[in-house]
């Protein structure tokens, strides 16, 4: 997880946004796939969407646990 604070001018009539957070996928940091990478089992790979743990990026649903009326 990474964060940055957007620029806010003192002449801007809008309130400041504050800190923004974002996530970058792990494949941005691996140029070529190295040989002999560890692998998930086939069942686990289907559940996670990738065969290699190095490329797995967990996504937490921000709407999980909320009812339809609270969204």
N, C-alpha and C. Protein backbone atom coordinates (compact mmCIF):
# COMPACT_ATOMS: atom_id res chain seq x y z
N UNK A 1 0.85 -1.16 0.00
CA UNK A 1 0.00 0.00 0.00
C UNK A 1 0.90 1.23 0.00
N UNK A 2 0.60 2.17 -0.87
CA UNK A 2 1.36 3.42 -0.95
C UNK A 2 0.41 4.58 -0.70
N UNK A 3 0.98 5.73 -0.36
CA UNK A 3 0.17 6.90 -0.06
C UNK A 3 0.85 8.16 -0.57
N UNK A 4 0.05 9.17 -0.85
CA UNK A 4 0.56 10.48 -1.21
C UNK A 4 -0.44 11.54 -0.76
N UNK A 5 0.04 12.75 -0.62
CA UNK A 5 -0.82 13.86 -0.23
C UNK A 5 -0.90 14.82 -1.41
N UNK A 6 -2.08 14.98 -2.02
CA UNK A 6 -2.21 15.89 -3.15
C UNK A 6 -1.95 17.34 -2.74
N UNK A 7 -1.40 18.10 -3.69
CA UNK A 7 -1.12 19.52 -3.44
C UNK A 7 -2.43 20.27 -3.23
N UNK A 8 -2.44 21.16 -2.26
CA UNK A 8 -3.61 21.99 -2.00
C UNK A 8 -3.12 23.43 -1.85
N UNK A 9 -3.56 24.29 -2.77
CA UNK A 9 -3.17 25.69 -2.73
C UNK A 9 -3.93 26.42 -1.63
N UNK A 10 -3.31 27.42 -1.07
CA UNK A 10 -4.01 28.19 -0.04
C UNK A 10 -5.13 29.05 -0.64
N UNK A 11 -5.11 29.20 -1.98
CA UNK A 11 -6.15 29.96 -2.67
C UNK A 11 -7.29 29.07 -3.17
N UNK A 12 -7.17 27.77 -2.97
CA UNK A 12 -8.20 26.83 -3.43
C UNK A 12 -9.41 26.92 -2.50
N UNK A 13 -10.60 27.19 -3.06
CA UNK A 13 -11.79 27.32 -2.20
C UNK A 13 -12.31 25.98 -1.67
N UNK A 14 -11.89 24.88 -2.29
CA UNK A 14 -12.36 23.55 -1.86
C UNK A 14 -11.56 23.06 -0.66
N UNK A 15 -12.15 22.24 0.20
CA UNK A 15 -11.40 21.70 1.33
C UNK A 15 -10.33 20.72 0.84
N UNK A 16 -9.23 20.57 1.56
CA UNK A 16 -8.18 19.63 1.15
C UNK A 16 -8.68 18.19 1.12
N UNK A 17 -8.14 17.40 0.21
CA UNK A 17 -8.55 16.01 0.05
C UNK A 17 -7.97 15.14 1.15
N UNK A 18 -6.76 15.43 1.58
CA UNK A 18 -6.10 14.59 2.58
C UNK A 18 -5.20 13.56 1.91
N UNK A 19 -4.89 12.52 2.60
CA UNK A 19 -3.98 11.49 2.08
C UNK A 19 -4.76 10.51 1.21
N UNK A 20 -4.20 10.19 0.03
CA UNK A 20 -4.80 9.22 -0.89
C UNK A 20 -3.95 7.95 -0.83
N UNK A 21 -4.59 6.79 -0.85
CA UNK A 21 -3.91 5.50 -0.80
C UNK A 21 -4.15 4.73 -2.09
N UNK A 22 -3.15 3.96 -2.51
CA UNK A 22 -3.30 3.12 -3.69
C UNK A 22 -2.38 1.92 -3.58
N UNK A 23 -2.68 0.92 -4.38
CA UNK A 23 -1.90 -0.32 -4.37
C UNK A 23 -1.35 -0.58 -5.77
N UNK A 24 -0.12 -1.05 -5.85
CA UNK A 24 0.47 -1.40 -7.14
C UNK A 24 0.61 -2.92 -7.22
N UNK A 25 0.36 -3.50 -8.40
CA UNK A 25 0.46 -4.95 -8.54
C UNK A 25 1.91 -5.43 -8.46
N UNK A 26 2.13 -6.63 -7.92
CA UNK A 26 3.50 -7.13 -7.74
C UNK A 26 4.25 -7.36 -9.06
N UNK A 27 3.55 -7.60 -10.17
CA UNK A 27 4.25 -7.87 -11.42
C UNK A 27 4.98 -6.63 -11.95
N UNK A 28 4.72 -5.45 -11.39
CA UNK A 28 5.47 -4.25 -11.79
C UNK A 28 6.93 -4.32 -11.35
N UNK A 29 7.21 -5.10 -10.33
CA UNK A 29 8.55 -5.14 -9.75
C UNK A 29 9.36 -6.36 -10.17
N UNK A 30 8.78 -7.24 -10.97
CA UNK A 30 9.49 -8.42 -11.46
C UNK A 30 9.56 -8.30 -12.98
N UNK A 31 10.76 -8.06 -13.53
CA UNK A 31 10.92 -7.87 -14.97
C UNK A 31 10.56 -9.12 -15.75
N UNK A 32 11.39 -10.14 -15.64
CA UNK A 32 11.13 -11.43 -16.28
C UNK A 32 10.88 -12.45 -15.19
N UNK A 33 10.08 -13.44 -15.52
CA UNK A 33 9.77 -14.47 -14.53
C UNK A 33 11.01 -15.31 -14.26
N UNK A 34 11.51 -15.30 -13.02
CA UNK A 34 12.69 -16.09 -12.70
C UNK A 34 12.40 -17.60 -12.77
N UNK A 35 13.39 -18.40 -13.09
CA UNK A 35 13.16 -19.85 -13.14
C UNK A 35 12.94 -20.42 -11.73
N UNK A 36 12.23 -21.52 -11.67
CA UNK A 36 11.99 -22.28 -10.44
C UNK A 36 11.25 -21.49 -9.36
N UNK A 37 10.26 -20.70 -9.77
CA UNK A 37 9.45 -20.00 -8.78
C UNK A 37 8.57 -21.00 -8.04
N UNK A 38 8.34 -20.72 -6.77
CA UNK A 38 7.43 -21.55 -5.97
C UNK A 38 6.04 -21.47 -6.59
N UNK A 39 5.27 -22.57 -6.53
CA UNK A 39 3.94 -22.62 -7.12
C UNK A 39 2.90 -23.03 -6.08
N UNK A 40 1.68 -22.50 -6.26
CA UNK A 40 0.55 -22.95 -5.47
C UNK A 40 0.12 -24.33 -5.98
N UNK A 41 -0.63 -25.05 -5.17
CA UNK A 41 -1.26 -26.28 -5.65
C UNK A 41 -2.31 -25.87 -6.68
N UNK A 42 -2.71 -26.78 -7.60
CA UNK A 42 -3.70 -26.40 -8.62
C UNK A 42 -5.00 -25.85 -8.03
N UNK A 43 -5.50 -26.47 -6.96
CA UNK A 43 -6.74 -26.00 -6.35
C UNK A 43 -6.58 -24.60 -5.76
N UNK A 44 -5.47 -24.39 -5.06
CA UNK A 44 -5.22 -23.08 -4.46
C UNK A 44 -4.97 -22.02 -5.53
N UNK A 45 -4.31 -22.41 -6.63
CA UNK A 45 -4.06 -21.47 -7.73
C UNK A 45 -5.37 -21.00 -8.35
N UNK A 46 -6.34 -21.88 -8.49
CA UNK A 46 -7.64 -21.48 -9.02
C UNK A 46 -8.35 -20.52 -8.08
N UNK A 47 -8.19 -20.72 -6.79
CA UNK A 47 -8.83 -19.85 -5.81
C UNK A 47 -8.18 -18.46 -5.79
N UNK A 48 -6.87 -18.41 -5.98
CA UNK A 48 -6.14 -17.14 -5.89
C UNK A 48 -5.98 -16.43 -7.22
N UNK A 49 -6.19 -17.14 -8.35
CA UNK A 49 -6.12 -16.51 -9.66
C UNK A 49 -4.73 -16.47 -10.26
N UNK A 50 -3.76 -17.12 -9.64
CA UNK A 50 -2.41 -17.18 -10.18
C UNK A 50 -1.73 -18.45 -9.69
N UNK A 51 -0.79 -18.93 -10.45
CA UNK A 51 -0.05 -20.13 -10.07
C UNK A 51 1.11 -19.82 -9.13
N UNK A 52 1.63 -18.59 -9.19
CA UNK A 52 2.83 -18.24 -8.45
C UNK A 52 2.53 -17.28 -7.30
N UNK A 53 2.95 -17.60 -6.08
CA UNK A 53 2.73 -16.71 -4.94
C UNK A 53 3.37 -15.32 -5.12
N UNK A 54 4.45 -15.23 -5.89
CA UNK A 54 5.11 -13.93 -6.11
C UNK A 54 4.20 -12.96 -6.85
N UNK A 55 3.25 -13.48 -7.63
CA UNK A 55 2.36 -12.63 -8.40
C UNK A 55 0.98 -12.47 -7.75
N UNK A 56 0.79 -13.05 -6.59
CA UNK A 56 -0.50 -12.95 -5.91
C UNK A 56 -0.61 -11.61 -5.21
N UNK A 57 -1.71 -10.92 -5.43
CA UNK A 57 -1.97 -9.64 -4.79
C UNK A 57 -3.36 -9.70 -4.18
N UNK A 58 -3.43 -9.70 -2.87
CA UNK A 58 -4.70 -9.79 -2.16
C UNK A 58 -5.51 -8.52 -2.38
N UNK A 59 -6.79 -8.67 -2.66
CA UNK A 59 -7.69 -7.53 -2.81
C UNK A 59 -8.77 -7.62 -1.76
N UNK A 60 -8.90 -6.60 -0.97
CA UNK A 60 -9.94 -6.56 0.05
C UNK A 60 -11.10 -5.73 -0.48
N UNK A 61 -12.25 -6.34 -0.58
CA UNK A 61 -13.43 -5.67 -1.10
C UNK A 61 -13.91 -4.63 -0.09
N UNK A 62 -13.95 -3.35 -0.48
CA UNK A 62 -14.38 -2.33 0.48
C UNK A 62 -15.87 -2.41 0.82
N UNK A 63 -16.65 -3.12 0.01
CA UNK A 63 -18.08 -3.23 0.26
C UNK A 63 -18.47 -4.51 0.99
N UNK A 64 -17.50 -5.36 1.30
CA UNK A 64 -17.79 -6.63 1.96
C UNK A 64 -18.35 -6.36 3.36
N UNK A 65 -19.41 -7.05 3.67
CA UNK A 65 -20.00 -6.94 4.99
C UNK A 65 -21.06 -5.85 5.12
N UNK A 66 -21.20 -5.03 4.07
CA UNK A 66 -22.22 -3.97 4.12
C UNK A 66 -23.48 -4.45 3.41
N UNK A 67 -24.60 -4.03 3.91
CA UNK A 67 -25.86 -4.37 3.27
C UNK A 67 -26.08 -3.52 2.02
N UNK A 68 -27.07 -3.86 1.25
CA UNK A 68 -27.36 -3.13 0.01
C UNK A 68 -27.75 -1.68 0.31
N UNK A 69 -28.40 -1.42 1.44
CA UNK A 69 -28.86 -0.07 1.76
C UNK A 69 -27.73 0.84 2.24
N UNK A 70 -26.60 0.26 2.71
CA UNK A 70 -25.51 1.06 3.27
C UNK A 70 -24.49 1.49 2.22
N UNK A 71 -24.56 0.98 1.00
CA UNK A 71 -23.56 1.30 -0.02
C UNK A 71 -23.81 2.63 -0.56
